[in-house]
Amino acid sequence: PGFQKKDIRVNISKDILTLRANRTIDIESYTIHFRQRPNKIEKKIPLPYSIPEDDNVNSKADYANGVVKIRIPISKMTNIPIT
């Protein structure tokens, strides 16, 4: 909570989704009432499988009302015939 869209970065590398947020607050111009809120976060979220580079290009992230929504298109799985 408390981060702006410009403060947030999303990255997908193989099977890891990384969400970083870093905010700067000019303490002298505000009355601070939320000392417990971090100014910097980083979350690494393991994905169930590696995302191909082609799908990664088409991934999208939206930010609205304090919520980040990340969409990762997934290529259709192909069946490999067993001989």
PDB file of N, CA and C in Angstrom:
ATOM      1  N   PRO A   1       0.823  -1.201   0.000  1.00  0.00           N
ATOM      2  CA  PRO A   1       0.000   0.000   0.000  1.00  0.00           C
ATOM      3  C   PRO A   1       0.864   1.261   0.000  1.00  0.00           C
ATOM      4  N   GLY A   2       0.369   2.278  -0.652  1.00  0.00           N
ATOM      5  CA  GLY A   2       1.045   3.557  -0.633  1.00  0.00           C
ATOM      6  C   GLY A   2       2.007   3.807  -1.773  1.00  0.00           C
ATOM      7  N   PHE A   3       2.194   2.847  -2.652  1.00  0.00           N
ATOM      8  CA  PHE A   3       3.081   3.044  -3.789  1.00  0.00           C
ATOM      9  C   PHE A   3       2.290   3.597  -4.971  1.00  0.00           C
ATOM     10  N   GLN A   4       2.955   4.388  -5.780  1.00  0.00           N
ATOM     11  CA  GLN A   4       2.355   4.926  -6.993  1.00  0.00           C
ATOM     12  C   GLN A   4       2.781   4.069  -8.185  1.00  0.00           C
ATOM     13  N   LYS A   5       2.068   4.206  -9.290  1.00  0.00           N
ATOM     14  CA  LYS A   5       2.372   3.450 -10.501  1.00  0.00           C
ATOM     15  C   LYS A   5       3.830   3.641 -10.923  1.00  0.00           C
ATOM     16  N   LYS A   6       4.330   4.863 -10.828  1.00  0.00           N
ATOM     17  CA  LYS A   6       5.700   5.159 -11.258  1.00  0.00           C
ATOM     18  C   LYS A   6       6.752   4.498 -10.369  1.00  0.00           C
ATOM     19  N   ASP A   7       6.370   4.059  -9.181  1.00  0.00           N
ATOM     20  CA  ASP A   7       7.300   3.446  -8.231  1.00  0.00           C
ATOM     21  C   ASP A   7       7.474   1.944  -8.438  1.00  0.00           C
ATOM     22  N   ILE A   8       6.636   1.317  -9.270  1.00  0.00           N
ATOM     23  CA  ILE A   8       6.553  -0.145  -9.347  1.00  0.00           C
ATOM     24  C   ILE A   8       7.207  -0.664 -10.623  1.00  0.00           C
ATOM     25  N   ARG A   9       7.979  -1.745 -10.482  1.00  0.00           N
ATOM     26  CA  ARG A   9       8.613  -2.422 -11.613  1.00  0.00           C
ATOM     27  C   ARG A   9       8.271  -3.908 -11.541  1.00  0.00           C
ATOM     28  N   VAL A  10       7.941  -4.495 -12.702  1.00  0.00           N
ATOM     29  CA  VAL A  10       7.632  -5.921 -12.794  1.00  0.00           C
ATOM     30  C   VAL A  10       8.576  -6.535 -13.819  1.00  0.00           C
ATOM     31  N   ASN A  11       9.146  -7.692 -13.475  1.00  0.00           N
ATOM     32  CA  ASN A  11      10.070  -8.366 -14.370  1.00  0.00           C
ATOM     33  C   ASN A  11       9.775  -9.863 -14.337  1.00  0.00           C
ATOM     34  N   ILE A  12       9.838 -10.500 -15.514  1.00  0.00           N
ATOM     35  CA  ILE A  12       9.693 -11.958 -15.595  1.00  0.00           C
ATOM     36  C   ILE A  12      10.974 -12.501 -16.203  1.00  0.00           C
ATOM     37  N   SER A  13      11.596 -13.420 -15.496  1.00  0.00           N
ATOM     38  CA  SER A  13      12.800 -14.073 -15.987  1.00  0.00           C
ATOM     39  C   SER A  13      12.639 -15.569 -15.777  1.00  0.00           C
ATOM     40  N   LYS A  14      12.458 -16.260 -16.877  1.00  0.00           N
ATOM     41  CA  LYS A  14      12.235 -17.706 -16.861  1.00  0.00           C
ATOM     42  C   LYS A  14      11.035 -18.056 -15.991  1.00  0.00           C
ATOM     43  N   ASP A  15      11.263 -18.639 -14.810  1.00  0.00           N
ATOM     44  CA  ASP A  15      10.134 -19.059 -13.970  1.00  0.00           C
ATOM     45  C   ASP A  15      10.012 -18.226 -12.692  1.00  0.00           C
ATOM     46  N   ILE A  16      10.530 -16.988 -12.717  1.00  0.00           N
ATOM     47  CA  ILE A  16      10.443 -16.095 -11.554  1.00  0.00           C
ATOM     48  C   ILE A  16       9.835 -14.764 -11.974  1.00  0.00           C
ATOM     49  N   LEU A  17       8.780 -14.363 -11.280  1.00  0.00           N
ATOM     50  CA  LEU A  17       8.191 -13.039 -11.465  1.00  0.00           C
ATOM     51  C   LEU A  17       8.687 -12.182 -10.302  1.00  0.00           C
ATOM     52  N   THR A  18       9.311 -11.051 -10.618  1.00  0.00           N
ATOM     53  CA  THR A  18       9.837 -10.165  -9.581  1.00  0.00           C
ATOM     54  C   THR A  18       9.056  -8.869  -9.592  1.00  0.00           C
ATOM     55  N   LEU A  19       8.564  -8.495  -8.431  1.00  0.00           N
ATOM     56  CA  LEU A  19       7.821  -7.246  -8.254  1.00  0.00           C
ATOM     57  C   LEU A  19       8.630  -6.372  -7.306  1.00  0.00           C
ATOM     58  N   ARG A  20       9.033  -5.195  -7.798  1.00  0.00           N
ATOM     59  CA  ARG A  20       9.814  -4.253  -6.985  1.00  0.00           C
ATOM     60  C   ARG A  20       9.062  -2.937  -6.898  1.00  0.00           C
ATOM     61  N   ALA A  21       9.121  -2.319  -5.744  1.00  0.00           N
ATOM     62  CA  ALA A  21       8.531  -0.991  -5.568  1.00  0.00           C
ATOM     63  C   ALA A  21       9.452  -0.190  -4.658  1.00  0.00           C
ATOM     64  N   ASN A  22       9.670   1.051  -5.043  1.00  0.00           N
ATOM     65  CA  ASN A  22      10.557   1.921  -4.281  1.00  0.00           C
ATOM     66  C   ASN A  22       9.980   3.328  -4.318  1.00  0.00           C
ATOM     67  N   ARG A  23       9.623   3.858  -3.165  1.00  0.00           N
ATOM     68  CA  ARG A  23       9.067   5.210  -3.135  1.00  0.00           C
ATOM     69  C   ARG A  23       9.996   6.123  -2.353  1.00  0.00           C
ATOM     70  N   THR A  24      10.009   7.354  -2.774  1.00  0.00           N
ATOM     71  CA  THR A  24      10.770   8.359  -2.044  1.00  0.00           C
ATOM     72  C   THR A  24       9.785   9.376  -1.499  1.00  0.00           C
ATOM     73  N   ILE A  25       9.977   9.722  -0.252  1.00  0.00           N
ATOM     74  CA  ILE A  25       9.087  10.675   0.407  1.00  0.00           C
ATOM     75  C   ILE A  25       9.932  11.831   0.920  1.00  0.00           C
ATOM     76  N   ASP A  26       9.517  13.021   0.578  1.00  0.00           N
ATOM     77  CA  ASP A  26      10.177  14.216   1.100  1.00  0.00           C
ATOM     78  C   ASP A  26       9.631  14.454   2.506  1.00  0.00           C
ATOM     79  N   ILE A  27      10.366  13.987   3.496  1.00  0.00           N
ATOM     80  CA  ILE A  27       9.894  14.015   4.883  1.00  0.00           C
ATOM     81  C   ILE A  27       9.618  15.434   5.362  1.00  0.00           C
ATOM     82  N   GLU A  28      10.358  16.395   4.875  1.00  0.00           N
ATOM     83  CA  GLU A  28      10.192  17.765   5.342  1.00  0.00           C
ATOM     84  C   GLU A  28       8.881  18.398   4.887  1.00  0.00           C
ATOM     85  N   SER A  29       8.301  17.902   3.799  1.00  0.00           N
ATOM     86  CA  SER A  29       7.076  18.516   3.290  1.00  0.00           C
ATOM     87  C   SER A  29       5.802  17.775   3.712  1.00  0.00           C
ATOM     88  N   TYR A  30       5.927  16.690   4.472  1.00  0.00           N
ATOM     89  CA  TYR A  30       4.761  15.919   4.894  1.00  0.00           C
ATOM     90  C   TYR A  30       4.804  15.661   6.391  1.00  0.00           C
ATOM     91  N   THR A  31       3.639  15.481   6.958  1.00  0.00           N
ATOM     92  CA  THR A  31       3.549  14.952   8.311  1.00  0.00           C
ATOM     93  C   THR A  31       3.414  13.445   8.156  1.00  0.00           C
ATOM     94  N   ILE A  32       4.351  12.706   8.672  1.00  0.00           N
ATOM     95  CA  ILE A  32       4.373  11.260   8.492  1.00  0.00           C
ATOM     96  C   ILE A  32       3.623  10.589   9.637  1.00  0.00           C
ATOM     97  N   HIS A  33       2.622   9.762   9.270  1.00  0.00           N
ATOM     98  CA  HIS A  33       1.827   9.029  10.258  1.00  0.00           C
ATOM     99  C   HIS A  33       1.938   7.520  10.069  1.00  0.00           C
ATOM    100  N   PHE A  34       2.772   7.079   9.173  1.00  0.00           N
ATOM    101  CA  PHE A  34       2.814   5.657   8.851  1.00  0.00           C
ATOM    102  C   PHE A  34       4.248   5.144   8.861  1.00  0.00           C
ATOM    103  N   ARG A  35       4.864   5.162   9.982  1.00  0.00           N
ATOM    104  CA  ARG A  35       6.253   4.719  10.114  1.00  0.00           C
ATOM    105  C   ARG A  35       6.424   3.227   9.802  1.00  0.00           C
ATOM    106  N   GLN A  36       5.383   2.443   9.879  1.00  0.00           N
ATOM    107  CA  GLN A  36       5.491   1.007   9.666  1.00  0.00           C
ATOM    108  C   GLN A  36       5.461   0.612   8.196  1.00  0.00           C
ATOM    109  N   ARG A  37       5.133   1.516   7.297  1.00  0.00           N
ATOM    110  CA  ARG A  37       5.101   1.183   5.875  1.00  0.00           C
ATOM    111  C   ARG A  37       6.510   1.230   5.298  1.00  0.00           C
ATOM    112  N   PRO A  38       6.907   0.169   4.606  1.00  0.00           N
ATOM    113  CA  PRO A  38       8.250   0.179   4.015  1.00  0.00           C
ATOM    114  C   PRO A  38       8.303   1.112   2.802  1.00  0.00           C
ATOM    115  N   ASN A  39       9.463   1.680   2.564  1.00  0.00           N
ATOM    116  CA  ASN A  39       9.656   2.521   1.387  1.00  0.00           C
ATOM    117  C   ASN A  39      10.144   1.722   0.194  1.00  0.00           C
ATOM    118  N   LYS A  40      10.556   0.475   0.443  1.00  0.00           N
ATOM    119  CA  LYS A  40      11.087  -0.365  -0.615  1.00  0.00           C
ATOM    120  C   LYS A  40      10.656  -1.805  -0.371  1.00  0.00           C
ATOM    121  N   ILE A  41      10.167  -2.471  -1.424  1.00  0.00           N
ATOM    122  CA  ILE A  41       9.833  -3.892  -1.315  1.00  0.00           C
ATOM    123  C   ILE A  41      10.340  -4.618  -2.552  1.00  0.00           C
ATOM    124  N   GLU A  42      10.582  -5.901  -2.389  1.00  0.00           N
ATOM    125  CA  GLU A  42      10.920  -6.766  -3.516  1.00  0.00           C
ATOM    126  C   GLU A  42      10.345  -8.137  -3.214  1.00  0.00           C
ATOM    127  N   LYS A  43       9.508  -8.616  -4.106  1.00  0.00           N
ATOM    128  CA  LYS A  43       8.904  -9.941  -3.963  1.00  0.00           C
ATOM    129  C   LYS A  43       9.271 -10.767  -5.185  1.00  0.00           C
ATOM    130  N   LYS A  44       9.773 -11.959  -4.952  1.00  0.00           N
ATOM    131  CA  LYS A  44      10.066 -12.898  -6.034  1.00  0.00           C
ATOM    132  C   LYS A  44       9.048 -14.022  -5.931  1.00  0.00           C
ATOM    133  N   ILE A  45       8.287 -14.191  -6.995  1.00  0.00           N
ATOM    134  CA  ILE A  45       7.203 -15.164  -7.003  1.00  0.00           C
ATOM    135  C   ILE A  45       7.551 -16.266  -8.000  1.00  0.00           C
ATOM    136  N   PRO A  46       7.728 -17.507  -7.521  1.00  0.00           N
ATOM    137  CA  PRO A  46       8.019 -18.594  -8.456  1.00  0.00           C
ATOM    138  C   PRO A  46       6.778 -18.933  -9.283  1.00  0.00           C
ATOM    139  N   LEU A  47       6.981 -19.092 -10.575  1.00  0.00           N
ATOM    140  CA  LEU A  47       5.897 -19.483 -11.473  1.00  0.00           C
ATOM    141  C   LEU A  47       5.943 -20.994 -11.650  1.00  0.00           C
ATOM    142  N   PRO A  48       4.825 -21.611 -12.019  1.00  0.00           N
ATOM    143  CA  PRO A  48       4.802 -23.075 -12.119  1.00  0.00           C
ATOM    144  C   PRO A  48       5.705 -23.634 -13.217  1.00  0.00           C
ATOM    145  N   TYR A  49       6.062 -22.817 -14.200  1.00  0.00           N
ATOM    146  CA  TYR A  49       6.971 -23.251 -15.259  1.00  0.00           C
ATOM    147  C   TYR A  49       7.610 -22.023 -15.894  1.00  0.00           C
ATOM    148  N   SER A  50       8.633 -22.263 -16.668  1.00  0.00           N
ATOM    149  CA  SER A  50       9.374 -21.183 -17.313  1.00  0.00           C
ATOM    150  C   SER A  50       8.524 -20.534 -18.405  1.00  0.00           C
ATOM    151  N   ILE A  51       8.545 -19.214 -18.466  1.00  0.00           N
ATOM    152  CA  ILE A  51       7.790 -18.475 -19.472  1.00  0.00           C
ATOM    153  C   ILE A  51       8.695 -18.245 -20.678  1.00  0.00           C
ATOM    154  N   PRO A  52       8.297 -18.718 -21.864  1.00  0.00           N
ATOM    155  CA  PRO A  52       9.112 -18.482 -23.062  1.00  0.00           C
ATOM    156  C   PRO A  52       9.255 -16.986 -23.341  1.00  0.00           C
ATOM    157  N   GLU A  53      10.368 -16.609 -23.917  1.00  0.00           N
ATOM    158  CA  GLU A  53      10.649 -15.201 -24.218  1.00  0.00           C
ATOM    159  C   GLU A  53       9.544 -14.583 -25.080  1.00  0.00           C
ATOM    160  N   ASP A  54       8.974 -15.345 -26.011  1.00  0.00           N
ATOM    161  CA  ASP A  54       7.893 -14.828 -26.874  1.00  0.00           C
ATOM    162  C   ASP A  54       6.669 -14.434 -26.059  1.00  0.00           C
ATOM    163  N   ASP A  55       6.319 -15.227 -25.056  1.00  0.00           N
ATOM    164  CA  ASP A  55       5.167 -14.909 -24.208  1.00  0.00           C
ATOM    165  C   ASP A  55       5.475 -13.736 -23.288  1.00  0.00           C
ATOM    166  N   ASN A  56       6.713 -13.639 -22.852  1.00  0.00           N
ATOM    167  CA  ASN A  56       7.124 -12.570 -21.952  1.00  0.00           C
ATOM    168  C   ASN A  56       6.933 -11.203 -22.603  1.00  0.00           C
ATOM    169  N   VAL A  57       7.193 -11.106 -23.903  1.00  0.00           N
ATOM    170  CA  VAL A  57       7.048  -9.839 -24.633  1.00  0.00           C
ATOM    171  C   VAL A  57       5.598  -9.362 -24.595  1.00  0.00           C
ATOM    172  N   ASN A  58       4.654 -10.288 -24.623  1.00  0.00           N
ATOM    173  CA  ASN A  58       3.232  -9.935 -24.647  1.00  0.00           C
ATOM    174  C   ASN A  58       2.606  -9.822 -23.259  1.00  0.00           C
ATOM    175  N   SER A  59       3.384  -9.987 -22.220  1.00  0.00           N
ATOM    176  CA  SER A  59       2.864  -9.858 -20.857  1.00  0.00           C
ATOM    177  C   SER A  59       2.507  -8.403 -20.579  1.00  0.00           C
ATOM    178  N   LYS A  60       1.494  -8.201 -19.741  1.00  0.00           N
ATOM    179  CA  LYS A  60       1.044  -6.846 -19.419  1.00  0.00           C
ATOM    180  C   LYS A  60       0.804  -6.724 -17.925  1.00  0.00           C
ATOM    181  N   ALA A  61       1.053  -5.526 -17.414  1.00  0.00           N
ATOM    182  CA  ALA A  61       0.767  -5.229 -16.012  1.00  0.00           C
ATOM    183  C   ALA A  61      -0.058  -3.953 -15.964  1.00  0.00           C
ATOM    184  N   ASP A  62      -1.125  -3.968 -15.189  1.00  0.00           N
ATOM    185  CA  ASP A  62      -1.987  -2.802 -15.002  1.00  0.00           C
ATOM    186  C   ASP A  62      -2.015  -2.453 -13.520  1.00  0.00           C
ATOM    187  N   TYR A  63      -2.141  -1.172 -13.238  1.00  0.00           N
ATOM    188  CA  TYR A  63      -2.201  -0.698 -11.858  1.00  0.00           C
ATOM    189  C   TYR A  63      -3.432   0.181 -11.707  1.00  0.00           C
ATOM    190  N   ALA A  64      -4.287  -0.152 -10.756  1.00  0.00           N
ATOM    191  CA  ALA A  64      -5.482   0.653 -10.481  1.00  0.00           C
ATOM    192  C   ALA A  64      -5.901   0.441  -9.034  1.00  0.00           C
ATOM    193  N   ASN A  65      -6.220   1.524  -8.360  1.00  0.00           N
ATOM    194  CA  ASN A  65      -6.711   1.478  -6.979  1.00  0.00           C
ATOM    195  C   ASN A  65      -5.782   0.702  -6.045  1.00  0.00           C
ATOM    196  N   GLY A  66      -4.474   0.840  -6.239  1.00  0.00           N
ATOM    197  CA  GLY A  66      -3.516   0.186  -5.356  1.00  0.00           C
ATOM    198  C   GLY A  66      -3.276  -1.283  -5.637  1.00  0.00           C
ATOM    199  N   VAL A  67      -3.814  -1.797  -6.751  1.00  0.00           N
ATOM    200  CA  VAL A  67      -3.674  -3.215  -7.085  1.00  0.00           C
ATOM    201  C   VAL A  67      -2.937  -3.355  -8.417  1.00  0.00           C
ATOM    202  N   VAL A  68      -1.919  -4.212  -8.445  1.00  0.00           N
ATOM    203  CA  VAL A  68      -1.205  -4.514  -9.684  1.00  0.00           C
ATOM    204  C   VAL A  68      -1.758  -5.823 -10.229  1.00  0.00           C
ATOM    205  N   LYS A  69      -2.236  -5.795 -11.474  1.00  0.00           N
ATOM    206  CA  LYS A  69      -2.707  -7.007 -12.148  1.00  0.00           C
ATOM    207  C   LYS A  69      -1.709  -7.339 -13.245  1.00  0.00           C
ATOM    208  N   ILE A  70      -1.221  -8.566 -13.236  1.00  0.00           N
ATOM    209  CA  ILE A  70      -0.227  -9.005 -14.209  1.00  0.00           C
ATOM    210  C   ILE A  70      -0.841 -10.109 -15.054  1.00  0.00           C
ATOM    211  N   ARG A  71      -0.767  -9.929 -16.375  1.00  0.00           N
ATOM    212  CA  ARG A  71      -1.295 -10.936 -17.307  1.00  0.00           C
ATOM    213  C   ARG A  71      -0.140 -11.507 -18.112  1.00  0.00           C
ATOM    214  N   ILE A  72      -0.010 -12.825 -18.062  1.00  0.00           N
ATOM    215  CA  ILE A  72       1.043 -13.512 -18.798  1.00  0.00           C
ATOM    216  C   ILE A  72       0.370 -14.478 -19.763  1.00  0.00           C
ATOM    217  N   PRO A  73       0.417 -14.196 -21.070  1.00  0.00           N
ATOM    218  CA  PRO A  73      -0.177 -15.144 -22.010  1.00  0.00           C
ATOM    219  C   PRO A  73       0.651 -16.429 -22.031  1.00  0.00           C
ATOM    220  N   ILE A  74      -0.036 -17.529 -22.106  1.00  0.00           N
ATOM    221  CA  ILE A  74       0.635 -18.820 -22.078  1.00  0.00           C
ATOM    222  C   ILE A  74       0.415 -19.506 -23.416  1.00  0.00           C
ATOM    223  N   SER A  75       1.502 -19.908 -24.023  1.00  0.00           N
ATOM    224  CA  SER A  75       1.397 -20.644 -25.281  1.00  0.00           C
ATOM    225  C   SER A  75       0.695 -21.963 -25.023  1.00  0.00           C
ATOM    226  N   LYS A  76       0.002 -22.428 -26.041  1.00  0.00           N
ATOM    227  CA  LYS A  76      -0.658 -23.725 -25.892  1.00  0.00           C
ATOM    228  C   LYS A  76       0.390 -24.816 -25.784  1.00  0.00           C
ATOM    229  N   MET A  77       0.133 -25.725 -24.899  1.00  0.00           N
ATOM    230  CA  MET A  77       1.035 -26.857 -24.733  1.00  0.00           C
ATOM    231  C   MET A  77       0.889 -27.757 -25.955  1.00  0.00           C
ATOM    232  N   THR A  78       1.972 -28.323 -26.373  1.00  0.00           N
ATOM    233  CA  THR A  78       1.909 -29.255 -27.493  1.00  0.00           C
ATOM    234  C   THR A  78       2.179 -30.656 -26.967  1.00  0.00           C
ATOM    235  N   ASN A  79       1.467 -31.590 -27.519  1.00  0.00           N
ATOM    236  CA  ASN A  79       1.674 -32.986 -27.144  1.00  0.00           C
ATOM    237  C   ASN A  79       2.818 -33.556 -27.964  1.00  0.00           C
ATOM    238  N   ILE A  80       3.673 -34.280 -27.295  1.00  0.00           N
ATOM    239  CA  ILE A  80       4.783 -34.931 -27.977  1.00  0.00           C
ATOM    240  C   ILE A  80       4.398 -36.396 -28.139  1.00  0.00           C
ATOM    241  N   PRO A  81       4.347 -36.859 -29.387  1.00  0.00           N
ATOM    242  CA  PRO A  81       3.954 -38.262 -29.586  1.00  0.00           C
ATOM    243  C   PRO A  81       5.012 -39.216 -29.021  1.00  0.00           C
ATOM    244  N   ILE A  82       4.539 -40.272 -28.404  1.00  0.00           N
ATOM    245  CA  ILE A  82       5.431 -41.299 -27.866  1.00  0.00           C
ATOM    246  C   ILE A  82       5.502 -42.413 -28.892  1.00  0.00           C
ATOM    247  N   THR A  83       6.703 -42.758 -29.286  1.00  0.00           N
ATOM    248  CA  THR A  83       6.843 -43.808 -30.308  1.00  0.00           C
ATOM    249  C   THR A  83       7.418 -45.068 -29.720  1.00  0.00           C
TER     250      THR A  83
END
